[in-house]
Amino acid sequence: MRSHRGLTWVSFLLLAIVAGAFYWLFTFGEVYWDNFEVTGVLRQAAARCYNTDDEHVKAFVFGKLHDIFDVEVEDRSGRRVKVLKIDVAEDDLHIERNQVPAWVHIWLAYNRTVKLPLVGYTRTLRFDNYAEQDLTPVKW
């Protein structure tokens, strides 16, 4: 019968995989959760396209993004200002409507900068989100 040999290469490999998964989750988990919330905002905006024009939809999207992602930071002069956690501009939101069949397509592209802990680097991730909605009238 063999005695216990301590840490084997298989257990070391499993430990490294678990540590890597925790590092990835700690670093990128919030970013991908925020991307999930942006997709939800786009779905809400697509549902609002029944009775409103594109400018109201754009105002809704950017209002919701400011509600969700505004954070307070200190600027160069020491004042506290609110900025978005995501890097998005008005030109990054595209709304396209089709008449036959009646559909709306909404695209939003944005960047998110992430600081990598323990390494000291930053990484910029680009997200392209999409939502669509059928706008044909419901026949009861």
N, C-alpha and C. Protein backbone atom coordinates (compact mmCIF):
# COMPACT_ATOMS: atom_id res chain seq x y z
N MET A 1 0.84 -1.18 0.00
CA MET A 1 0.00 0.00 0.00
C MET A 1 0.89 1.25 0.00
N ARG A 2 0.55 2.20 -0.86
CA ARG A 2 1.33 3.43 -0.98
C ARG A 2 0.92 4.44 0.08
N SER A 3 1.84 5.28 0.46
CA SER A 3 1.51 6.37 1.37
C SER A 3 1.09 7.59 0.54
N HIS A 4 0.45 8.52 1.17
CA HIS A 4 -0.02 9.73 0.50
C HIS A 4 1.18 10.55 0.06
N ARG A 5 1.20 10.95 -1.23
CA ARG A 5 2.37 11.63 -1.78
C ARG A 5 2.22 13.15 -1.80
N GLY A 6 1.17 13.72 -1.30
CA GLY A 6 1.02 15.17 -1.28
C GLY A 6 0.35 15.70 -2.53
N LEU A 7 0.83 16.81 -3.02
CA LEU A 7 0.24 17.50 -4.16
C LEU A 7 0.74 16.86 -5.46
N THR A 8 -0.15 16.27 -6.21
CA THR A 8 0.20 15.67 -7.49
C THR A 8 0.01 16.68 -8.60
N TRP A 9 0.44 16.35 -9.80
CA TRP A 9 0.31 17.30 -10.90
C TRP A 9 -1.14 17.47 -11.31
N VAL A 10 -1.97 16.46 -11.10
CA VAL A 10 -3.39 16.58 -11.42
C VAL A 10 -4.08 17.52 -10.43
N SER A 11 -3.79 17.37 -9.16
CA SER A 11 -4.41 18.26 -8.18
C SER A 11 -3.88 19.68 -8.34
N PHE A 12 -2.60 19.84 -8.71
CA PHE A 12 -2.05 21.16 -8.97
C PHE A 12 -2.74 21.80 -10.19
N LEU A 13 -2.98 21.00 -11.22
CA LEU A 13 -3.67 21.50 -12.41
C LEU A 13 -5.10 21.93 -12.08
N LEU A 14 -5.80 21.14 -11.30
CA LEU A 14 -7.17 21.50 -10.89
C LEU A 14 -7.17 22.77 -10.04
N LEU A 15 -6.21 22.90 -9.16
CA LEU A 15 -6.10 24.09 -8.32
C LEU A 15 -5.82 25.33 -9.18
N ALA A 16 -4.97 25.18 -10.19
CA ALA A 16 -4.67 26.29 -11.09
C ALA A 16 -5.90 26.68 -11.91
N ILE A 17 -6.69 25.71 -12.34
CA ILE A 17 -7.90 25.99 -13.10
C ILE A 17 -8.91 26.73 -12.24
N VAL A 18 -9.10 26.30 -11.01
CA VAL A 18 -10.03 26.97 -10.09
C VAL A 18 -9.56 28.39 -9.79
N ALA A 19 -8.26 28.57 -9.57
CA ALA A 19 -7.72 29.91 -9.30
C ALA A 19 -7.91 30.81 -10.52
N GLY A 20 -7.67 30.28 -11.72
CA GLY A 20 -7.88 31.06 -12.93
C GLY A 20 -9.33 31.45 -13.14
N ALA A 21 -10.23 30.53 -12.81
CA ALA A 21 -11.66 30.83 -12.95
C ALA A 21 -12.08 31.92 -11.97
N PHE A 22 -11.58 31.90 -10.74
CA PHE A 22 -11.90 32.95 -9.78
C PHE A 22 -11.32 34.29 -10.21
N TYR A 23 -10.11 34.28 -10.76
CA TYR A 23 -9.50 35.51 -11.24
C TYR A 23 -10.32 36.10 -12.38
N TRP A 24 -10.72 35.24 -13.35
CA TRP A 24 -11.53 35.72 -14.46
C TRP A 24 -12.86 36.28 -13.97
N LEU A 25 -13.50 35.56 -13.04
CA LEU A 25 -14.79 36.01 -12.52
C LEU A 25 -14.65 37.32 -11.77
N PHE A 26 -13.59 37.47 -10.99
CA PHE A 26 -13.36 38.70 -10.25
C PHE A 26 -13.07 39.87 -11.19
N THR A 27 -12.34 39.60 -12.27
CA THR A 27 -11.95 40.66 -13.19
C THR A 27 -13.05 41.02 -14.18
N PHE A 28 -13.66 40.03 -14.81
CA PHE A 28 -14.58 40.28 -15.90
C PHE A 28 -16.05 40.01 -15.57
N GLY A 29 -16.37 39.50 -14.41
CA GLY A 29 -17.75 39.16 -14.08
C GLY A 29 -18.68 40.36 -14.13
N GLU A 30 -18.27 41.47 -13.54
CA GLU A 30 -19.10 42.68 -13.51
C GLU A 30 -19.30 43.23 -14.93
N VAL A 31 -18.27 43.13 -15.74
CA VAL A 31 -18.34 43.66 -17.11
C VAL A 31 -19.39 42.91 -17.92
N TYR A 32 -19.38 41.60 -17.82
CA TYR A 32 -20.36 40.82 -18.58
C TYR A 32 -21.76 40.91 -17.98
N TRP A 33 -21.88 41.13 -16.68
CA TRP A 33 -23.19 41.37 -16.08
C TRP A 33 -23.74 42.71 -16.58
N ASP A 34 -22.89 43.73 -16.66
CA ASP A 34 -23.32 45.01 -17.20
C ASP A 34 -23.75 44.88 -18.65
N ASN A 35 -23.07 44.06 -19.43
CA ASN A 35 -23.46 43.82 -20.81
C ASN A 35 -24.84 43.18 -20.88
N PHE A 36 -25.13 42.29 -19.96
CA PHE A 36 -26.47 41.69 -19.87
C PHE A 36 -27.52 42.76 -19.60
N GLU A 37 -27.21 43.74 -18.73
CA GLU A 37 -28.15 44.82 -18.44
C GLU A 37 -28.34 45.73 -19.65
N VAL A 38 -27.29 45.98 -20.41
CA VAL A 38 -27.41 46.80 -21.62
C VAL A 38 -28.33 46.11 -22.63
N THR A 39 -28.21 44.80 -22.75
CA THR A 39 -29.10 44.06 -23.64
C THR A 39 -30.55 44.19 -23.19
N GLY A 40 -30.79 44.18 -21.89
CA GLY A 40 -32.14 44.37 -21.37
C GLY A 40 -32.68 45.75 -21.70
N VAL A 41 -31.84 46.77 -21.61
CA VAL A 41 -32.27 48.13 -21.97
C VAL A 41 -32.64 48.20 -23.45
N LEU A 42 -31.85 47.54 -24.29
CA LEU A 42 -32.17 47.55 -25.73
C LEU A 42 -33.47 46.82 -26.02
N ARG A 43 -33.74 45.76 -25.31
CA ARG A 43 -35.02 45.05 -25.49
C ARG A 43 -36.20 45.93 -25.07
N GLN A 44 -36.04 46.67 -23.97
CA GLN A 44 -37.09 47.59 -23.54
C GLN A 44 -37.29 48.69 -24.58
N ALA A 45 -36.19 49.18 -25.13
CA ALA A 45 -36.29 50.24 -26.15
C ALA A 45 -36.97 49.72 -27.40
N ALA A 46 -36.67 48.48 -27.79
CA ALA A 46 -37.32 47.91 -28.96
C ALA A 46 -38.82 47.75 -28.73
N ALA A 47 -39.21 47.42 -27.52
CA ALA A 47 -40.63 47.30 -27.21
C ALA A 47 -41.32 48.66 -27.21
N ARG A 48 -40.60 49.73 -26.95
CA ARG A 48 -41.17 51.08 -26.97
C ARG A 48 -41.32 51.63 -28.38
N CYS A 49 -40.82 50.97 -29.37
CA CYS A 49 -40.84 51.46 -30.75
C CYS A 49 -42.22 51.39 -31.39
N TYR A 50 -43.21 50.85 -30.72
CA TYR A 50 -44.55 50.76 -31.30
C TYR A 50 -45.14 52.14 -31.56
N ASN A 51 -45.03 53.03 -30.58
CA ASN A 51 -45.73 54.31 -30.68
C ASN A 51 -44.83 55.53 -30.67
N THR A 52 -43.52 55.35 -30.61
CA THR A 52 -42.63 56.50 -30.49
C THR A 52 -41.67 56.55 -31.66
N ASP A 53 -41.13 57.74 -31.90
CA ASP A 53 -40.15 57.88 -32.97
C ASP A 53 -38.75 57.56 -32.44
N ASP A 54 -37.78 57.60 -33.34
CA ASP A 54 -36.43 57.16 -33.00
C ASP A 54 -35.75 58.07 -31.98
N GLU A 55 -36.05 59.36 -31.99
CA GLU A 55 -35.41 60.27 -31.04
C GLU A 55 -35.87 59.99 -29.61
N HIS A 56 -37.14 59.64 -29.44
CA HIS A 56 -37.62 59.26 -28.10
C HIS A 56 -36.98 57.97 -27.64
N VAL A 57 -36.78 57.04 -28.55
CA VAL A 57 -36.14 55.77 -28.21
C VAL A 57 -34.69 56.00 -27.81
N LYS A 58 -33.99 56.85 -28.55
CA LYS A 58 -32.60 57.16 -28.20
C LYS A 58 -32.52 57.85 -26.84
N ALA A 59 -33.44 58.77 -26.58
CA ALA A 59 -33.46 59.44 -25.28
C ALA A 59 -33.74 58.43 -24.16
N PHE A 60 -34.62 57.49 -24.41
CA PHE A 60 -34.91 56.45 -23.42
C PHE A 60 -33.67 55.60 -23.14
N VAL A 61 -32.98 55.17 -24.20
CA VAL A 61 -31.81 54.30 -24.04
C VAL A 61 -30.73 55.01 -23.24
N PHE A 62 -30.40 56.24 -23.62
CA PHE A 62 -29.33 56.93 -22.93
C PHE A 62 -29.74 57.37 -21.53
N GLY A 63 -31.02 57.64 -21.31
CA GLY A 63 -31.48 57.92 -19.95
C GLY A 63 -31.33 56.71 -19.04
N LYS A 64 -31.72 55.54 -19.55
CA LYS A 64 -31.57 54.30 -18.76
C LYS A 64 -30.10 53.97 -18.53
N LEU A 65 -29.26 54.18 -19.53
CA LEU A 65 -27.83 53.90 -19.36
C LEU A 65 -27.23 54.81 -18.29
N HIS A 66 -27.65 56.07 -18.27
CA HIS A 66 -27.16 56.97 -17.22
C HIS A 66 -27.70 56.56 -15.85
N ASP A 67 -28.93 56.09 -15.79
CA ASP A 67 -29.48 55.64 -14.51
C ASP A 67 -28.72 54.44 -13.96
N ILE A 68 -28.34 53.54 -14.84
CA ILE A 68 -27.71 52.30 -14.40
C ILE A 68 -26.21 52.44 -14.20
N PHE A 69 -25.52 53.14 -15.11
CA PHE A 69 -24.06 53.10 -15.15
C PHE A 69 -23.35 54.38 -14.75
N ASP A 70 -24.05 55.36 -14.23
CA ASP A 70 -23.37 56.57 -13.76
C ASP A 70 -22.61 56.28 -12.48
N VAL A 71 -21.35 56.70 -12.42
CA VAL A 71 -20.53 56.59 -11.22
C VAL A 71 -19.91 57.96 -10.96
N GLU A 72 -19.64 58.24 -9.71
CA GLU A 72 -18.99 59.50 -9.36
C GLU A 72 -17.50 59.31 -9.32
N VAL A 73 -16.78 60.21 -10.01
CA VAL A 73 -15.33 60.21 -10.00
C VAL A 73 -14.86 61.63 -9.71
N GLU A 74 -13.61 61.72 -9.38
CA GLU A 74 -13.03 63.02 -9.09
C GLU A 74 -12.27 63.49 -10.32
N ASP A 75 -12.59 64.72 -10.80
CA ASP A 75 -11.90 65.22 -11.97
C ASP A 75 -10.57 65.87 -11.56
N ARG A 76 -9.90 66.50 -12.52
CA ARG A 76 -8.57 67.05 -12.25
C ARG A 76 -8.58 68.17 -11.25
N SER A 77 -9.68 68.90 -11.15
CA SER A 77 -9.75 70.00 -10.20
C SER A 77 -10.27 69.57 -8.84
N GLY A 78 -10.56 68.30 -8.66
CA GLY A 78 -10.98 67.80 -7.35
C GLY A 78 -12.47 67.76 -7.15
N ARG A 79 -13.26 68.11 -8.16
CA ARG A 79 -14.72 68.07 -8.03
C ARG A 79 -15.23 66.67 -8.33
N ARG A 80 -16.34 66.32 -7.72
CA ARG A 80 -16.99 65.04 -7.97
C ARG A 80 -17.96 65.21 -9.14
N VAL A 81 -17.77 64.42 -10.19
CA VAL A 81 -18.63 64.47 -11.37
C VAL A 81 -19.13 63.06 -11.66
N LYS A 82 -20.28 62.98 -12.34
CA LYS A 82 -20.83 61.69 -12.73
C LYS A 82 -20.44 61.40 -14.18
N VAL A 83 -19.92 60.19 -14.40
CA VAL A 83 -19.58 59.73 -15.74
C VAL A 83 -20.10 58.32 -15.90
N LEU A 84 -20.22 57.89 -17.15
CA LEU A 84 -20.65 56.53 -17.44
C LEU A 84 -19.47 55.56 -17.27
N LYS A 85 -19.77 54.37 -16.73
CA LYS A 85 -18.75 53.32 -16.65
C LYS A 85 -18.40 52.78 -18.02
N ILE A 86 -19.33 52.90 -18.96
CA ILE A 86 -19.10 52.39 -20.31
C ILE A 86 -18.81 53.56 -21.23
N ASP A 87 -18.03 53.32 -22.25
CA ASP A 87 -17.66 54.35 -23.22
C ASP A 87 -18.60 54.25 -24.41
N VAL A 88 -19.63 55.10 -24.41
CA VAL A 88 -20.64 55.06 -25.45
C VAL A 88 -20.95 56.49 -25.88
N ALA A 89 -21.25 56.66 -27.17
CA ALA A 89 -21.61 57.96 -27.72
C ALA A 89 -22.95 57.84 -28.43
N GLU A 90 -23.53 58.99 -28.75
CA GLU A 90 -24.82 59.01 -29.45
C GLU A 90 -24.75 58.29 -30.80
N ASP A 91 -23.61 58.38 -31.46
CA ASP A 91 -23.46 57.76 -32.78
C ASP A 91 -23.35 56.24 -32.71
N ASP A 92 -23.16 55.69 -31.54
CA ASP A 92 -23.00 54.24 -31.39
C ASP A 92 -24.34 53.50 -31.35
N LEU A 93 -25.43 54.23 -31.27
CA LEU A 93 -26.77 53.63 -31.26
C LEU A 93 -27.39 53.77 -32.64
N HIS A 94 -27.77 52.65 -33.23
CA HIS A 94 -28.38 52.65 -34.56
C HIS A 94 -29.75 51.98 -34.48
N ILE A 95 -30.74 52.66 -35.05
CA ILE A 95 -32.10 52.13 -35.09
C ILE A 95 -32.51 52.04 -36.55
N GLU A 96 -32.97 50.87 -36.94
CA GLU A 96 -33.42 50.66 -38.31
C GLU A 96 -34.81 50.06 -38.28
N ARG A 97 -35.72 50.67 -39.04
CA ARG A 97 -37.10 50.18 -39.10
C ARG A 97 -37.39 49.63 -40.49
N ASN A 98 -38.08 48.51 -40.56
CA ASN A 98 -38.55 47.94 -41.81
C ASN A 98 -40.07 48.07 -41.84
N GLN A 99 -40.61 48.38 -43.02
CA GLN A 99 -42.05 48.54 -43.13
C GLN A 99 -42.74 47.22 -43.44
N VAL A 100 -42.16 46.43 -44.32
CA VAL A 100 -42.76 45.15 -44.69
C VAL A 100 -41.71 44.07 -44.55
N PRO A 101 -41.79 43.22 -43.62
CA PRO A 101 -42.65 43.19 -42.45
C PRO A 101 -42.22 44.27 -41.46
N ALA A 102 -43.13 44.65 -40.61
CA ALA A 102 -42.88 45.74 -39.66
C ALA A 102 -41.98 45.24 -38.52
N TRP A 103 -40.71 45.59 -38.59
CA TRP A 103 -39.72 45.19 -37.59
C TRP A 103 -38.87 46.39 -37.24
N VAL A 104 -38.30 46.38 -36.05
CA VAL A 104 -37.29 47.37 -35.68
C VAL A 104 -36.05 46.60 -35.22
N HIS A 105 -34.90 47.11 -35.63
CA HIS A 105 -33.61 46.54 -35.25
C HIS A 105 -32.81 47.64 -34.57
N ILE A 106 -32.24 47.32 -33.40
CA ILE A 106 -31.47 48.30 -32.63
C ILE A 106 -30.10 47.70 -32.35
N TRP A 107 -29.05 48.46 -32.68
CA TRP A 107 -27.67 48.06 -32.39
C TRP A 107 -27.04 49.10 -31.50
N LEU A 108 -26.26 48.64 -30.54
CA LEU A 108 -25.48 49.54 -29.69
C LEU A 108 -24.09 48.94 -29.53
N ALA A 109 -23.09 49.70 -29.88
CA ALA A 109 -21.70 49.28 -29.71
C ALA A 109 -21.06 50.19 -28.66
N TYR A 110 -20.34 49.59 -27.73
CA TYR A 110 -19.66 50.38 -26.71
C TYR A 110 -18.40 49.66 -26.26
N ASN A 111 -17.53 50.42 -25.62
CA ASN A 111 -16.29 49.89 -25.07
C ASN A 111 -16.33 49.95 -23.55
N ARG A 112 -15.62 49.05 -22.94
CA ARG A 112 -15.50 49.05 -21.48
C ARG A 112 -14.05 48.75 -21.14
N THR A 113 -13.42 49.61 -20.36
CA THR A 113 -12.04 49.44 -19.95
C THR A 113 -12.00 48.75 -18.60
N VAL A 114 -11.17 47.71 -18.50
CA VAL A 114 -11.06 46.92 -17.29
C VAL A 114 -9.61 46.95 -16.82
N LYS A 115 -9.42 47.19 -15.53
CA LYS A 115 -8.08 47.11 -14.95
C LYS A 115 -7.86 45.68 -14.46
N LEU A 116 -6.78 45.08 -14.92
CA LEU A 116 -6.47 43.71 -14.53
C LEU A 116 -5.73 43.72 -13.20
N PRO A 117 -6.31 43.11 -12.16
CA PRO A 117 -5.64 43.09 -10.87
C PRO A 117 -4.41 42.18 -10.91
N LEU A 118 -3.46 42.47 -10.07
CA LEU A 118 -2.21 41.73 -9.91
C LEU A 118 -1.24 41.92 -11.06
N VAL A 119 -1.72 42.37 -12.21
CA VAL A 119 -0.85 42.54 -13.37
C VAL A 119 -0.56 44.02 -13.60
N GLY A 120 -1.56 44.86 -13.36
CA GLY A 120 -1.41 46.29 -13.53
C GLY A 120 -1.74 46.81 -14.91
N TYR A 121 -2.18 45.96 -15.81
CA TYR A 121 -2.54 46.37 -17.15
C TYR A 121 -4.02 46.75 -17.21
N THR A 122 -4.38 47.42 -18.30
CA THR A 122 -5.79 47.67 -18.58
C THR A 122 -6.12 47.02 -19.92
N ARG A 123 -7.35 46.60 -20.04
CA ARG A 123 -7.81 45.97 -21.27
C ARG A 123 -9.14 46.60 -21.65
N THR A 124 -9.31 46.90 -22.92
CA THR A 124 -10.55 47.47 -23.41
C THR A 124 -11.32 46.40 -24.15
N LEU A 125 -12.54 46.17 -23.70
CA LEU A 125 -13.42 45.19 -24.33
C LEU A 125 -14.47 45.92 -25.15
N ARG A 126 -14.77 45.42 -26.32
CA ARG A 126 -15.80 46.00 -27.18
C ARG A 126 -17.00 45.06 -27.20
N PHE A 127 -18.17 45.65 -26.98
CA PHE A 127 -19.42 44.90 -27.00
C PHE A 127 -20.31 45.45 -28.09
N ASP A 128 -20.94 44.56 -28.83
CA ASP A 128 -21.92 44.91 -29.85
C ASP A 128 -23.22 44.22 -29.48
N ASN A 129 -24.18 45.00 -29.03
CA ASN A 129 -25.46 44.44 -28.59
C ASN A 129 -26.53 44.71 -29.64
N TYR A 130 -27.50 43.82 -29.67
CA TYR A 130 -28.54 43.88 -30.69
C TYR A 130 -29.87 43.48 -30.07
N ALA A 131 -30.91 44.16 -30.51
CA ALA A 131 -32.28 43.79 -30.12
C ALA A 131 -33.18 44.03 -31.32
N GLU A 132 -34.24 43.23 -31.39
CA GLU A 132 -35.21 43.40 -32.48
C GLU A 132 -36.61 43.20 -31.90
N GLN A 133 -37.58 43.74 -32.63
CA GLN A 133 -38.97 43.64 -32.18
C GLN A 133 -39.87 43.62 -33.40
N ASP A 134 -40.84 42.73 -33.36
CA ASP A 134 -41.87 42.68 -34.41
C ASP A 134 -42.89 43.77 -34.10
N LEU A 135 -43.16 44.64 -35.06
CA LEU A 135 -44.07 45.77 -34.86
C LEU A 135 -45.41 45.60 -35.57
N THR A 136 -45.71 44.42 -36.03
CA THR A 136 -47.00 44.21 -36.70
C THR A 136 -48.11 44.30 -35.66
N PRO A 137 -49.23 44.89 -36.04
CA PRO A 137 -50.34 45.02 -35.09
C PRO A 137 -50.88 43.65 -34.70
N VAL A 138 -51.28 43.53 -33.48
CA VAL A 138 -51.85 42.28 -32.99
C VAL A 138 -53.30 42.18 -33.45
N LYS A 139 -53.66 41.06 -34.02
CA LYS A 139 -55.04 40.87 -34.48
C LYS A 139 -55.75 39.99 -33.46
N TRP A 140 -56.76 40.56 -32.83
CA TRP A 140 -57.49 39.82 -31.79
C TRP A 140 -58.64 39.08 -32.36
